[in-house]
C-alpha atoms as a PDB file:
ATOM      1  CA  MET A   1     -82.343 272.608  -3.218  1.00  0.00           C
ATOM      2  CA  SER A   2     -80.575 269.549  -1.895  1.00  0.00           C
ATOM      3  CA  ALA A   3     -81.002 267.984   1.509  1.00  0.00           C
ATOM      4  CA  PRO A   4     -78.951 269.634   4.256  1.00  0.00           C
ATOM      5  CA  GLY A   5     -75.754 267.788   5.129  1.00  0.00           C
ATOM      6  CA  SER A   6     -74.981 269.448   8.439  1.00  0.00           C
ATOM      7  CA  LEU A   7     -76.544 271.394  11.275  1.00  0.00           C
ATOM      8  CA  LYS A   8     -75.042 274.551   9.771  1.00  0.00           C
ATOM      9  CA  ASP A   9     -76.966 273.808   6.556  1.00  0.00           C
ATOM     10  CA  VAL A  10     -80.178 273.337   8.556  1.00  0.00           C
ATOM     11  CA  TYR A  11     -79.477 276.609  10.379  1.00  0.00           C
ATOM     12  CA  LEU A  12     -78.972 278.513   7.119  1.00  0.00           C
ATOM     13  CA  ASP A  13     -82.068 276.931   5.563  1.00  0.00           C
ATOM     14  CA  GLU A  14     -84.147 277.952   8.591  1.00  0.00           C
ATOM     15  CA  MET A  15     -83.000 281.555   8.344  1.00  0.00           C
ATOM     16  CA  LYS A  16     -83.644 281.714   4.578  1.00  0.00           C
ATOM     17  CA  ASP A  17     -87.147 280.326   5.153  1.00  0.00           C
ATOM     18  CA  LEU A  18     -87.718 282.922   7.886  1.00  0.00           C
ATOM     19  CA  TRP A  19     -86.507 285.698   5.595  1.00  0.00           C
ATOM     20  CA  SER A  20     -89.153 284.756   3.038  1.00  0.00           C
ATOM     21  CA  ALA A  21     -91.756 284.294   5.779  1.00  0.00           C
ATOM     22  CA  ASN A  22     -90.980 287.759   7.145  1.00  0.00           C
ATOM     23  CA  ASP A  23     -91.206 289.388   3.712  1.00  0.00           C
ATOM     24  CA  GLN A  24     -94.593 287.780   3.115  1.00  0.00           C
ATOM     25  CA  MET A  25     -95.862 288.598   6.594  1.00  0.00           C
ATOM     26  CA  ALA A  26     -94.767 292.238   6.398  1.00  0.00           C
ATOM     27  CA  ARG A  27     -96.769 292.750   3.191  1.00  0.00           C
ATOM     28  CA  ALA A  28     -99.827 291.021   4.669  1.00  0.00           C
ATOM     29  CA  VAL A  29     -99.669 292.901   7.973  1.00  0.00           C
ATOM     30  CA  GLN A  30     -99.477 296.207   6.091  1.00  0.00           C
ATOM     31  CA  GLN A  31    -102.635 295.273   4.177  1.00  0.00           C
ATOM     32  CA  LEU A  32    -104.374 294.164   7.364  1.00  0.00           C
ATOM     33  CA  SER A  33    -103.465 297.409   9.128  1.00  0.00           C
ATOM     34  CA  ASP A  34    -105.312 299.305   6.392  1.00  0.00           C
ATOM     35  CA  GLN A  35    -108.469 297.329   7.272  1.00  0.00           C
ATOM     36  CA  ALA A  36    -108.255 297.627  11.079  1.00  0.00           C
ATOM     37  CA  SER A  37    -110.853 299.882  12.676  1.00  0.00           C
ATOM     38  CA  ASP A  38    -109.411 300.019  16.206  1.00  0.00           C
ATOM     39  CA  PRO A  39    -106.685 302.706  16.376  1.00  0.00           C
ATOM     40  CA  LYS A  40    -104.564 300.661  18.817  1.00  0.00           C
ATOM     41  CA  LEU A  41    -104.737 297.635  16.529  1.00  0.00           C
ATOM     42  CA  LYS A  42    -103.864 299.730  13.490  1.00  0.00           C
ATOM     43  CA  GLN A  43    -100.845 301.192  15.329  1.00  0.00           C
ATOM     44  CA  MET A  44     -99.709 297.780  16.603  1.00  0.00           C
ATOM     45  CA  LEU A  45     -99.830 296.349  13.092  1.00  0.00           C
ATOM     46  CA  GLN A  46     -97.930 299.286  11.622  1.00  0.00           C
ATOM     47  CA  ASP A  47     -95.297 299.032  14.365  1.00  0.00           C
ATOM     48  CA  SER A  48     -95.087 295.307  13.733  1.00  0.00           C
ATOM     49  CA  VAL A  49     -94.098 295.868  10.111  1.00  0.00           C
ATOM     50  CA  GLY A  50     -91.054 297.769  11.386  1.00  0.00           C
ATOM     51  CA  GLY A  51     -90.188 294.953  13.783  1.00  0.00           C
ATOM     52  CA  ILE A  52     -90.525 292.337  11.060  1.00  0.00           C
ATOM     53  CA  THR A  53     -88.237 294.385   8.801  1.00  0.00           C
ATOM     54  CA  LYS A  54     -85.692 294.694  11.625  1.00  0.00           C
ATOM     55  CA  HIS A  55     -85.748 290.923  12.176  1.00  0.00           C
ATOM     56  CA  THR A  56     -85.265 290.345   8.458  1.00  0.00           C
ATOM     57  CA  GLY A  57     -82.138 292.496   8.639  1.00  0.00           C
ATOM     58  CA  THR A  58     -80.884 290.331  11.488  1.00  0.00           C
ATOM     59  CA  LEU A  59     -81.478 287.193   9.422  1.00  0.00           C
ATOM     60  CA  LYS A  60     -79.642 288.622   6.415  1.00  0.00           C
ATOM     61  CA  SER A  61     -76.615 289.547   8.495  1.00  0.00           C
ATOM     62  CA  LEU A  62     -76.535 286.136  10.187  1.00  0.00           C
ATOM     63  CA  ILE A  63     -76.733 284.368   6.836  1.00  0.00           C
ATOM     64  CA  GLU A  64     -73.825 286.475   5.577  1.00  0.00           C
ATOM     65  CA  GLU A  65     -71.804 285.791   8.739  1.00  0.00           C
ATOM     66  CA  ASN A  66     -72.231 282.071   8.093  1.00  0.00           C
ATOM     67  CA  GLY A  67     -71.150 282.288   4.460  1.00  0.00           C
ATOM     68  CA  GLY A  68     -74.580 281.548   3.116  1.00  0.00           C
ATOM     69  CA  GLN A  69     -76.105 282.819  -0.078  1.00  0.00           C
ATOM     70  CA  THR A  70     -78.038 285.943   0.848  1.00  0.00           C
ATOM     71  CA  SER A  71     -81.369 285.227  -0.764  1.00  0.00           C
ATOM     72  CA  PRO A  72     -84.592 283.989   0.765  1.00  0.00           C
ATOM     73  CA  GLU A  73     -86.003 280.545   0.106  1.00  0.00           C
ATOM     74  CA  HIS A  74     -89.730 280.761  -0.585  1.00  0.00           C
ATOM     75  CA  CYS A  75     -91.667 279.800   2.540  1.00  0.00           C
ATOM     76  CA  LYS A  76     -94.766 277.848   1.585  1.00  0.00           C
ATOM     77  CA  GLY A  77     -95.872 277.646   5.222  1.00  0.00           C
ATOM     78  CA  MET A  78     -96.182 281.414   5.525  1.00  0.00           C
ATOM     79  CA  GLU A  79     -97.690 281.562   2.048  1.00  0.00           C
ATOM     80  CA  GLY A  80    -100.639 279.552   3.356  1.00  0.00           C
ATOM     81  CA  LEU A  81    -100.907 281.605   6.546  1.00  0.00           C
ATOM     82  CA  VAL A  82    -100.875 284.840   4.532  1.00  0.00           C
ATOM     83  CA  ALA A  83    -103.577 283.540   2.198  1.00  0.00           C
ATOM     84  CA  GLU A  84    -105.766 282.742   5.208  1.00  0.00           C
ATOM     85  CA  ALA A  85    -105.024 286.097   6.838  1.00  0.00           C
ATOM     86  CA  LEU A  86    -106.005 288.028   3.724  1.00  0.00           C
ATOM     87  CA  LYS A  87    -109.090 285.872   3.232  1.00  0.00           C
ATOM     88  CA  HIS A  88    -110.396 286.363   6.776  1.00  0.00           C
ATOM     89  CA  GLY A  89    -109.112 289.899   7.324  1.00  0.00           C
ATOM     90  CA  ILE A  90    -109.917 291.434   3.939  1.00  0.00           C
ATOM     91  CA  LYS A  91    -111.549 289.338   1.199  1.00  0.00           C
ATOM     92  CA  GLU A  92    -114.219 287.640   3.315  1.00  0.00           C
ATOM     93  CA  ALA A  93    -113.997 289.900   6.356  1.00  0.00           C
ATOM     94  CA  PRO A  94    -117.097 290.978   8.250  1.00  0.00           C
ATOM     95  CA  SER A  95    -118.353 294.462   7.431  1.00  0.00           C
ATOM     96  CA  ASP A  96    -118.561 295.215  11.177  1.00  0.00           C
ATOM     97  CA  GLY A  97    -115.183 296.747  12.047  1.00  0.00           C
ATOM     98  CA  ARG A  98    -115.017 295.219  15.526  1.00  0.00           C
ATOM     99  CA  LEU A  99    -115.621 291.710  14.190  1.00  0.00           C
ATOM    100  CA  ARG A 100    -113.091 292.302  11.423  1.00  0.00           C
ATOM    101  CA  ASP A 101    -110.566 293.442  14.056  1.00  0.00           C
ATOM    102  CA  VAL A 102    -111.100 290.200  15.999  1.00  0.00           C
ATOM    103  CA  GLN A 103    -110.297 288.212  12.877  1.00  0.00           C
ATOM    104  CA  ILE A 104    -107.306 290.378  11.994  1.00  0.00           C
ATOM    105  CA  ILE A 105    -105.797 289.825  15.440  1.00  0.00           C
ATOM    106  CA  ALA A 106    -106.248 286.058  15.214  1.00  0.00           C
ATOM    107  CA  GLN A 107    -104.634 285.942  11.782  1.00  0.00           C
ATOM    108  CA  TYR A 108    -101.776 288.191  12.899  1.00  0.00           C
ATOM    109  CA  GLN A 109    -101.085 285.881  15.832  1.00  0.00           C
ATOM    110  CA  ARG A 110    -101.081 282.793  13.621  1.00  0.00           C
ATOM    111  CA  MET A 111     -98.435 284.352  11.408  1.00  0.00           C
ATOM    112  CA  SER A 112     -96.435 285.562  14.434  1.00  0.00           C
ATOM    113  CA  HIS A 113     -96.433 282.094  15.984  1.00  0.00           C
ATOM    114  CA  TYR A 114     -94.886 280.685  12.827  1.00  0.00           C
ATOM    115  CA  GLY A 115     -92.097 283.223  13.265  1.00  0.00           C
ATOM    116  CA  LEU A 116     -91.710 282.346  16.938  1.00  0.00           C
ATOM    117  CA  ALA A 117     -91.201 278.701  16.066  1.00  0.00           C
ATOM    118  CA  GLY A 118     -88.661 279.500  13.369  1.00  0.00           C
ATOM    119  CA  PHE A 119     -86.647 282.036  15.330  1.00  0.00           C
ATOM    120  CA  GLY A 120     -86.677 279.761  18.383  1.00  0.00           C
ATOM    121  CA  SER A 121     -85.388 276.839  16.323  1.00  0.00           C
ATOM    122  CA  ALA A 122     -82.712 279.001  14.720  1.00  0.00           C
ATOM    123  CA  ALA A 123     -81.590 280.175  18.172  1.00  0.00           C
ATOM    124  CA  ALA A 124     -81.310 276.547  19.307  1.00  0.00           C
ATOM    125  CA  TYR A 125     -79.240 275.691  16.223  1.00  0.00           C
ATOM    126  CA  ALA A 126     -76.957 278.685  16.846  1.00  0.00           C
ATOM    127  CA  LYS A 127     -76.450 277.504  20.425  1.00  0.00           C
ATOM    128  CA  ALA A 128     -75.636 273.964  19.304  1.00  0.00           C
ATOM    129  CA  LEU A 129     -73.142 275.384  16.802  1.00  0.00           C
ATOM    130  CA  GLY A 130     -71.451 277.407  19.561  1.00  0.00           C
ATOM    131  CA  LYS A 131     -72.487 280.743  18.037  1.00  0.00           C
ATOM    132  CA  THR A 132     -73.449 282.510  21.267  1.00  0.00           C
ATOM    133  CA  ASP A 133     -73.665 286.014  19.780  1.00  0.00           C
ATOM    134  CA  GLN A 134     -75.954 284.772  17.011  1.00  0.00           C
ATOM    135  CA  GLU A 135     -78.047 282.815  19.515  1.00  0.00           C
ATOM    136  CA  ASN A 136     -78.504 285.990  21.575  1.00  0.00           C
ATOM    137  CA  ARG A 137     -79.552 288.041  18.530  1.00  0.00           C
ATOM    138  CA  LEU A 138     -82.120 285.423  17.579  1.00  0.00           C
ATOM    139  CA  LYS A 139     -83.383 285.167  21.166  1.00  0.00           C
ATOM    140  CA  SER A 140     -83.779 288.935  21.186  1.00  0.00           C
ATOM    141  CA  ALA A 141     -86.044 288.649  18.139  1.00  0.00           C
ATOM    142  CA  VAL A 142     -88.028 285.898  19.896  1.00  0.00           C
ATOM    143  CA  SER A 143     -88.467 288.152  22.913  1.00  0.00           C
ATOM    144  CA  GLU A 144     -89.694 291.035  20.767  1.00  0.00           C
ATOM    145  CA  ILE A 145     -92.146 288.788  18.930  1.00  0.00           C
ATOM    146  CA  TYR A 146     -93.483 287.446  22.248  1.00  0.00           C
ATOM    147  CA  LYS A 147     -94.046 290.995  23.511  1.00  0.00           C
ATOM    148  CA  SER A 148     -95.996 291.878  20.386  1.00  0.00           C
ATOM    149  CA  ASP A 149     -98.008 288.665  20.683  1.00  0.00           C
ATOM    150  CA  GLU A 150     -98.851 289.403  24.329  1.00  0.00           C
ATOM    151  CA  PHE A 151     -99.999 292.904  23.373  1.00  0.00           C
ATOM    152  CA  ALA A 152    -102.134 291.430  20.583  1.00  0.00           C
ATOM    153  CA  SER A 153    -103.725 289.030  23.086  1.00  0.00           C
ATOM    154  CA  ARG A 154    -104.590 291.863  25.467  1.00  0.00           C
ATOM    155  CA  LEU A 155    -105.939 293.905  22.578  1.00  0.00           C
ATOM    156  CA  ALA A 156    -107.999 290.943  21.387  1.00  0.00           C
ATOM    157  CA  GLU A 157    -109.654 290.661  24.778  1.00  0.00           C
ATOM    158  CA  SER A 158    -110.733 294.305  24.721  1.00  0.00           C
ATOM    159  CA  VAL A 159    -111.875 294.148  21.090  1.00  0.00           C
ATOM    160  CA  GLU A 160    -113.788 290.913  21.715  1.00  0.00           C
ATOM    161  CA  ARG A 161    -115.604 292.484  24.660  1.00  0.00           C
ATOM    162  CA  ALA A 162    -116.564 295.446  22.481  1.00  0.00           C
ATOM    163  CA  ALA A 163    -117.722 293.125  19.671  1.00  0.00           C
ATOM    164  CA  ALA A 164    -119.861 291.086  22.074  1.00  0.00           C
END
C-alpha cells in the first residue's frame, strides 16, 4: 500500500483497518464468551459479537459510498490485542472462573478501546470532509461501543468483588 495522498485516503484506510480489526475482534470475543463463567458476561460478549458485525457492515457501506475498494486491510494492532486476549482469557487463563472472567473483561475492554479510537478518528475525518451523514453513523457506533464498555466496567466491578 502506498502512503495516503489526501484526507479521503486516510479516512478510507482507517475504515479498512477497522474492518479487519472488527473481524479479528469478533472471532476472539466469540472464543472468550465460550470461556466466561458469569452468565451476564457470557451474554454481554455474545451480544457484542452482533454489535461488532453491525459496525463492520457500516464500515463496508461507508467504504463503498466513498468509492473505496471493499476489502479490509490487515490490522496488526488488533492482531496483537487479540493474541493477548486469547493468551490471558484462554491459553494461560486461571482455572478459577471468576478470576478468568476478570481477565476476559480486561482483554475485551482493551480491544474495544482500540475500536473507540478508530471509529472516533474516522468520525472526525468524515466531519472534516463534510460528510455529515457518515460522521453521524460513525458517532452512533462510538456511542454503542461506549455503552458496551460502561456495562463491562460495571460487570467487572461485581465480578472483581466476587473474586476477592
